[in-house]
C-alpha cells in the first residue's frame, strides 16, 4: 500500500519547485533542491544527476523549472503505478517471460528480414516500368479531389494594382509572369507561383488561406472555364486570388507526372513483399531438402 507520508512529501517538494525562482540547473547559480536526492516515492529516490540529465542546456529559468516539475511528476506517477501493480498482481500475472521471449523473437526476425531485403532489393525503377504500372492500373489513380497548376496571392482588396497583377499572373508571356513576382513583392501580402507541378486543391486552399469548400465551389462556378480565377474575400479586407493554369477534376485519372513517385513507392513495396515471401519459401524448401523440417503424419 502507498504510504500517505510519501505522497505528502512529494507534493510538498513539487510545490517548492513551482514557487522558487529558478536558474538553469546546469549553471548551478540557484539551488533548486536540497541535497542530492530531489524526490522520493517509497523506497525509490530521484537524484539530482538524473534530473539534470533530463534538462537540456540553454533553456530559460522558467522552462527549466517547468521541465523539472514535469519530469518529477511523470517519474512519481510511473513508480506509484508500478508499485501498485506489483502489490496487486499475482506472481503468475507478473510473469511476462513468455511475452518478452515472443517479442525478442519477433524483433530478431524483423531485423534479419530487413537485412535480407536491404542486401537484395533492386531500388532502380525505370520510366518504362512506371508507365506500364500506370497504364495497367488506371483505377488506382482516380482523383478524390481536383489537382491544380496555379498561381495565387493574398492582396488588399482595394490595391490599385490588383487588376494589373491579375492580368500578369494569367498571361501566357513568360516575361510578364516573371514580372508578377517582383511586383507582388511590394504590393501583395503573399504571392506563390505553383504552376510548374500539380498540387492537390486542398493544399492550394490551405496555402492560399481559403476554405477548401469555397475554392471547390469557385472551380465549378459558371464562367470559370473562360475566366479561370477564383476570388475569395476575407474579413480583414483582403482578397485571396487563385488563378488556375490547369486543372484535373475529381473522378478523373491523375496525370502520370503527378503519380510518378507514388508508383515508384508501390513498385518497390511490391518488390519488398516478394522478397519477404521468397525468403520464407526458400527457407522452407531448403529445410525439407536437408531434412531439417519433417512432418510426421499418421498412417492411414
Protein backbone atom coordinates (compact mmCIF):
# COMPACT_ATOMS: atom_id res chain seq x y z
CA UNK A 1 0.00 0.00 0.00
CA UNK A 2 1.22 3.53 -0.77
CA UNK A 3 2.09 5.43 2.41
CA UNK A 4 0.41 8.81 2.89
CA UNK A 5 3.62 10.45 4.12
CA UNK A 6 5.33 9.62 0.82
CA UNK A 7 2.64 11.39 -1.19
CA UNK A 8 2.70 14.40 1.16
CA UNK A 9 6.47 14.59 0.84
CA UNK A 10 6.28 14.53 -2.93
CA UNK A 11 3.51 17.14 -3.15
CA UNK A 12 5.41 19.44 -0.81
CA UNK A 13 8.50 19.11 -2.96
CA UNK A 14 6.58 19.89 -6.16
CA UNK A 15 5.08 22.96 -4.50
CA UNK A 16 8.53 24.16 -3.53
CA UNK A 17 9.76 23.74 -7.10
CA UNK A 18 6.86 25.80 -8.51
CA UNK A 19 7.35 28.65 -6.04
CA UNK A 20 11.12 29.17 -6.28
CA UNK A 21 12.83 31.39 -8.78
CA UNK A 22 14.90 29.00 -10.87
CA UNK A 23 18.05 29.34 -12.88
CA UNK A 24 19.30 26.68 -15.26
CA UNK A 25 20.18 23.53 -13.35
CA UNK A 26 23.48 23.06 -15.16
CA UNK A 27 24.61 26.55 -14.24
CA UNK A 28 24.12 25.94 -10.54
CA UNK A 29 23.53 29.65 -9.82
CA UNK A 30 20.48 28.94 -7.66
CA UNK A 31 19.90 25.85 -5.54
CA UNK A 32 16.66 24.30 -6.72
CA UNK A 33 16.64 21.35 -4.36
CA UNK A 34 18.09 20.37 -1.00
CA UNK A 35 20.77 17.66 -1.19
CA UNK A 36 21.44 15.10 -3.86
CA UNK A 37 18.05 13.37 -3.54
CA UNK A 38 15.38 15.63 -5.03
CA UNK A 39 12.32 13.36 -4.66
CA UNK A 40 11.29 10.08 -3.07
CA UNK A 41 8.47 7.62 -3.69
CA UNK A 42 8.52 4.77 -1.20
CA UNK A 43 11.97 3.22 -1.47
CA UNK A 44 12.66 4.88 -4.83
CA UNK A 45 14.82 8.00 -4.95
CA UNK A 46 15.33 10.51 -7.73
CA UNK A 47 18.80 12.02 -7.68
CA UNK A 48 19.81 15.47 -8.84
CA UNK A 49 22.06 13.97 -11.54
CA UNK A 50 19.09 12.13 -13.08
CA UNK A 51 17.05 15.32 -13.18
CA UNK A 52 19.90 17.40 -14.58
CA UNK A 53 20.46 14.94 -17.43
CA UNK A 54 16.84 15.47 -18.46
CA UNK A 55 17.04 19.28 -18.62
CA UNK A 56 18.65 20.39 -21.92
CA UNK A 57 21.32 23.06 -21.91
CA UNK A 58 20.36 26.59 -22.85
CA UNK A 59 16.73 26.60 -21.68
CA UNK A 60 15.37 29.56 -19.75
CA UNK A 61 14.91 29.56 -15.98
CA UNK A 62 11.14 29.33 -16.39
CA UNK A 63 11.34 26.43 -18.84
CA UNK A 64 13.90 24.69 -16.64
CA UNK A 65 11.53 24.78 -13.67
CA UNK A 66 8.62 23.58 -15.80
CA UNK A 67 10.64 20.67 -17.18
CA UNK A 68 11.81 19.72 -13.70
CA UNK A 69 8.22 19.65 -12.39
CA UNK A 70 7.08 17.64 -15.38
CA UNK A 71 9.87 15.10 -15.00
CA UNK A 72 9.27 14.63 -11.27
CA UNK A 73 5.53 14.20 -11.72
CA UNK A 74 6.00 11.66 -14.52
CA UNK A 75 8.67 9.80 -12.57
CA UNK A 76 6.48 9.64 -9.46
CA UNK A 77 3.30 8.62 -11.28
CA UNK A 78 5.13 5.82 -13.09
CA UNK A 79 6.62 4.42 -9.88
CA UNK A 80 3.38 4.71 -7.91
CA UNK A 81 1.54 2.78 -10.62
CA UNK A 82 4.30 0.19 -10.82
CA UNK A 83 4.36 -0.30 -7.06
CA UNK A 84 0.59 -0.72 -7.01
CA UNK A 85 0.74 -3.26 -9.85
CA UNK A 86 3.49 -5.20 -8.09
CA UNK A 87 1.43 -5.40 -4.90
CA UNK A 88 -1.90 -6.25 -6.52
CA UNK A 89 -0.95 -8.74 -9.22
CA UNK A 90 -0.26 -12.39 -8.55
CA UNK A 91 3.11 -13.98 -9.36
CA UNK A 92 1.56 -15.63 -12.40
CA UNK A 93 0.14 -12.32 -13.63
CA UNK A 94 3.53 -10.66 -13.21
CA UNK A 95 5.36 -13.34 -15.15
CA UNK A 96 5.96 -11.76 -18.57
CA UNK A 97 8.80 -14.04 -19.67
CA UNK A 98 6.70 -15.64 -22.44
CA UNK A 99 5.70 -12.25 -23.86
CA UNK A 100 9.28 -10.98 -23.67
CA UNK A 101 10.58 -14.05 -25.46
CA UNK A 102 7.94 -13.69 -28.18
CA UNK A 103 8.85 -10.04 -28.62
CA UNK A 104 12.57 -10.91 -28.74
CA UNK A 105 11.98 -13.47 -31.49
CA UNK A 106 9.78 -11.09 -33.48
CA UNK A 107 12.38 -8.33 -33.23
CA UNK A 108 15.24 -10.59 -34.32
CA UNK A 109 13.23 -11.96 -37.26
CA UNK A 110 12.28 -8.44 -38.30
CA UNK A 111 15.89 -7.27 -38.20
CA UNK A 112 17.03 -10.19 -40.30
CA UNK A 113 14.24 -9.66 -42.83
CA UNK A 114 15.28 -6.01 -43.16
CA UNK A 115 18.92 -7.03 -43.68
CA UNK A 116 17.88 -9.68 -46.24
CA UNK A 117 15.78 -7.15 -48.17
CA UNK A 118 18.45 -4.44 -47.96
CA UNK A 119 21.04 -6.79 -49.47
CA UNK A 120 18.80 -7.92 -52.34
CA UNK A 121 16.32 -5.15 -53.15
CA UNK A 122 16.72 -3.60 -56.58
CA UNK A 123 15.85 0.07 -56.00
CA UNK A 124 16.16 1.07 -59.64
CA UNK A 125 12.71 1.71 -61.11
CA UNK A 126 12.75 2.64 -64.78
CA UNK A 127 10.43 5.09 -66.51
CA UNK A 128 9.03 2.27 -68.64
CA UNK A 129 8.15 0.27 -65.51
CA UNK A 130 6.38 3.28 -64.04
CA UNK A 131 4.49 3.92 -67.27
CA UNK A 132 3.49 0.27 -67.58
CA UNK A 133 2.18 0.21 -63.99
CA UNK A 134 0.27 3.43 -64.59
CA UNK A 135 -1.39 2.17 -67.76
CA UNK A 136 -2.21 -1.22 -66.20
CA UNK A 137 -3.85 0.23 -63.07
CA UNK A 138 -5.84 3.34 -64.07
CA UNK A 139 -8.41 2.89 -61.29
CA UNK A 140 -5.71 3.29 -58.66
CA UNK A 141 -5.14 6.87 -59.75
CA UNK A 142 -8.67 8.27 -59.77
CA UNK A 143 -8.65 11.64 -58.06
CA UNK A 144 -10.69 12.22 -54.91
CA UNK A 145 -10.11 15.97 -55.23
CA UNK A 146 -9.08 18.24 -58.09
CA UNK A 147 -5.40 18.87 -58.70
CA UNK A 148 -4.18 22.21 -59.97
CA UNK A 149 -1.35 24.07 -61.58
CA UNK A 150 -1.94 27.57 -60.28
CA UNK A 151 -0.71 30.97 -59.18
CA UNK A 152 -2.26 32.64 -56.16
CA UNK A 153 -1.91 35.69 -54.00
CA UNK A 154 -3.33 37.47 -50.99
CA UNK A 155 -3.69 41.19 -51.59
CA UNK A 156 -5.63 44.13 -50.13
CA UNK A 157 -8.96 44.25 -51.94
CA UNK A 158 -8.54 47.97 -52.62
CA UNK A 159 -4.99 47.70 -54.04
CA UNK A 160 -4.72 49.81 -57.18
CA UNK A 161 -2.51 47.30 -58.93
CA UNK A 162 -4.85 44.34 -58.28
CA UNK A 163 -6.19 44.04 -61.83
CA UNK A 164 -2.77 44.60 -63.37
CA UNK A 165 -1.36 41.82 -61.22
CA UNK A 166 -4.18 39.50 -62.23
CA UNK A 167 -3.50 40.26 -65.88
CA UNK A 168 0.19 39.49 -65.48
CA UNK A 169 -0.26 36.32 -63.43
CA UNK A 170 -2.66 34.95 -66.05
CA UNK A 171 -0.51 35.97 -69.03
CA UNK A 172 0.98 33.43 -71.41
CA UNK A 173 4.01 35.67 -71.76
CA UNK A 174 6.78 34.30 -69.54
CA UNK A 175 8.28 37.75 -69.02
CA UNK A 176 5.00 39.14 -67.71
CA UNK A 177 4.59 36.15 -65.41
CA UNK A 178 8.08 36.80 -64.04
CA UNK A 179 7.21 40.47 -63.56
CA UNK A 180 4.29 39.41 -61.39
CA UNK A 181 6.65 38.07 -58.76
CA UNK A 182 8.63 41.30 -58.39
CA UNK A 183 5.51 43.50 -58.49
CA UNK A 184 3.63 41.32 -55.97
CA UNK A 185 6.58 41.54 -53.57
CA UNK A 186 5.84 45.24 -53.00
CA UNK A 187 2.02 45.10 -53.10
CA UNK A 188 0.70 41.66 -52.18
CA UNK A 189 0.77 40.05 -48.76
CA UNK A 190 1.65 36.74 -50.37
CA UNK A 191 2.26 35.51 -53.90
CA UNK A 192 3.07 31.94 -55.00
CA UNK A 193 3.70 30.56 -58.46
CA UNK A 194 2.73 26.89 -58.25
CA UNK A 195 2.20 26.44 -61.96
CA UNK A 196 5.06 24.02 -62.62
CA UNK A 197 3.87 20.99 -60.67
CA UNK A 198 0.46 19.52 -59.95
CA UNK A 199 -0.84 20.25 -56.44
CA UNK A 200 -3.82 18.88 -54.55
CA UNK A 201 -6.51 21.58 -54.43
CA UNK A 202 -6.77 21.06 -50.68
CA UNK A 203 -3.10 22.03 -50.32
CA UNK A 204 -3.60 25.06 -52.58
CA UNK A 205 -6.58 26.19 -50.50
CA UNK A 206 -4.65 25.84 -47.26
CA UNK A 207 -1.61 27.70 -48.60
CA UNK A 208 -3.75 30.41 -50.17
CA UNK A 209 -5.56 30.90 -46.85
CA UNK A 210 -9.06 29.97 -48.02
CA UNK A 211 -11.63 27.36 -47.11
CA UNK A 212 -11.38 24.37 -49.43
CA UNK A 213 -15.13 24.30 -49.97
CA UNK A 214 -15.06 27.89 -51.21
CA UNK A 215 -12.26 27.05 -53.65
CA UNK A 216 -14.04 23.90 -54.86
CA UNK A 217 -17.21 25.92 -55.46
CA UNK A 218 -15.23 28.54 -57.37
CA UNK A 219 -13.71 25.89 -59.62
CA UNK A 220 -17.22 24.82 -60.65
CA UNK A 221 -18.70 28.32 -60.91
CA UNK A 222 -20.36 29.39 -64.19
CA UNK A 223 -17.88 31.15 -66.43
CA UNK A 224 -14.83 29.70 -64.70
CA UNK A 225 -13.76 27.86 -67.87
CA UNK A 226 -13.45 31.17 -69.75
CA UNK A 227 -12.01 33.19 -66.85
CA UNK A 228 -10.22 30.71 -64.54
CA UNK A 229 -9.95 32.96 -61.49
CA UNK A 230 -11.31 32.28 -58.02
CA UNK A 231 -11.54 35.39 -55.82
CA UNK A 232 -12.44 34.94 -52.15
CA UNK A 233 -12.59 37.96 -49.80
CA UNK A 234 -11.82 37.71 -46.09
CA UNK A 235 -12.92 39.70 -43.04
CA UNK A 236 -9.64 41.64 -42.94
CA UNK A 237 -10.32 43.40 -46.23
CA UNK A 238 -8.03 41.20 -48.28
CA UNK A 239 -8.72 39.29 -51.46
CA UNK A 240 -7.44 35.74 -51.96
CA UNK A 241 -6.93 35.33 -55.69
CA UNK A 242 -6.28 31.92 -57.28
CA UNK A 243 -5.56 31.73 -61.00
CA UNK A 244 -5.80 28.16 -62.34
CA UNK A 245 -3.40 27.43 -65.16
CA UNK A 246 -4.52 23.80 -65.49
CA UNK A 247 -6.94 21.56 -63.64
CA UNK A 248 -7.80 17.87 -63.48
CA UNK A 249 -11.17 17.36 -61.82
CA UNK A 250 -12.01 14.79 -59.15
CA UNK A 251 -13.06 11.42 -60.52
CA UNK A 252 -10.65 11.64 -63.44
CA UNK A 253 -7.36 9.79 -63.71
CA UNK A 254 -4.43 11.83 -62.45
CA UNK A 255 -1.69 12.54 -64.99
CA UNK A 256 1.35 10.30 -64.91
CA UNK A 257 3.69 13.05 -63.71
CA UNK A 258 1.53 13.52 -60.60
CA UNK A 259 1.65 9.79 -59.80
CA UNK A 260 5.28 9.00 -60.61
CA UNK A 261 6.71 8.99 -57.06
CA UNK A 262 3.69 7.14 -55.69
CA UNK A 263 4.05 4.48 -58.39
CA UNK A 264 7.75 4.16 -57.63
CA UNK A 265 6.89 3.50 -53.97
CA UNK A 266 4.24 0.94 -54.96
CA UNK A 267 6.69 -0.95 -57.19
CA UNK A 268 9.37 -1.00 -54.50
CA UNK A 269 6.81 -2.13 -51.93
CA UNK A 270 5.77 -4.99 -54.20
CA UNK A 271 9.41 -6.00 -54.62
CA UNK A 272 9.92 -5.99 -50.86
CA UNK A 273 6.83 -8.14 -50.37
CA UNK A 274 8.07 -10.59 -53.00
CA UNK A 275 11.44 -10.84 -51.26
CA UNK A 276 9.75 -11.47 -47.91
CA UNK A 277 7.63 -14.24 -49.40
CA UNK A 278 10.62 -15.67 -51.24
CA UNK A 279 12.66 -15.75 -48.05
CA UNK A 280 10.07 -17.88 -46.25
CA UNK A 281 9.55 -20.18 -49.23
CA UNK A 282 13.29 -20.68 -49.74
CA UNK A 283 13.87 -21.45 -46.08
CA UNK A 284 11.04 -23.99 -46.07
CA UNK A 285 12.25 -25.64 -49.26
CA UNK A 286 15.85 -25.88 -48.05
CA UNK A 287 14.72 -27.29 -44.71
CA UNK A 288 12.70 -30.03 -46.43
CA UNK A 289 15.58 -30.94 -48.74
CA UNK A 290 18.01 -31.17 -45.83
CA UNK A 291 15.54 -33.00 -43.58
CA UNK A 292 15.52 -30.12 -41.12
CA UNK A 293 11.74 -29.86 -41.45
CA UNK A 294 9.74 -33.08 -41.24
CA UNK A 295 6.02 -33.54 -40.68
CA UNK A 296 5.08 -36.86 -39.06
CA UNK A 297 1.66 -37.74 -40.38
CA UNK A 298 -0.35 -40.64 -39.05
CA UNK A 299 -0.51 -43.53 -41.49
CA UNK A 300 -3.95 -44.41 -42.81
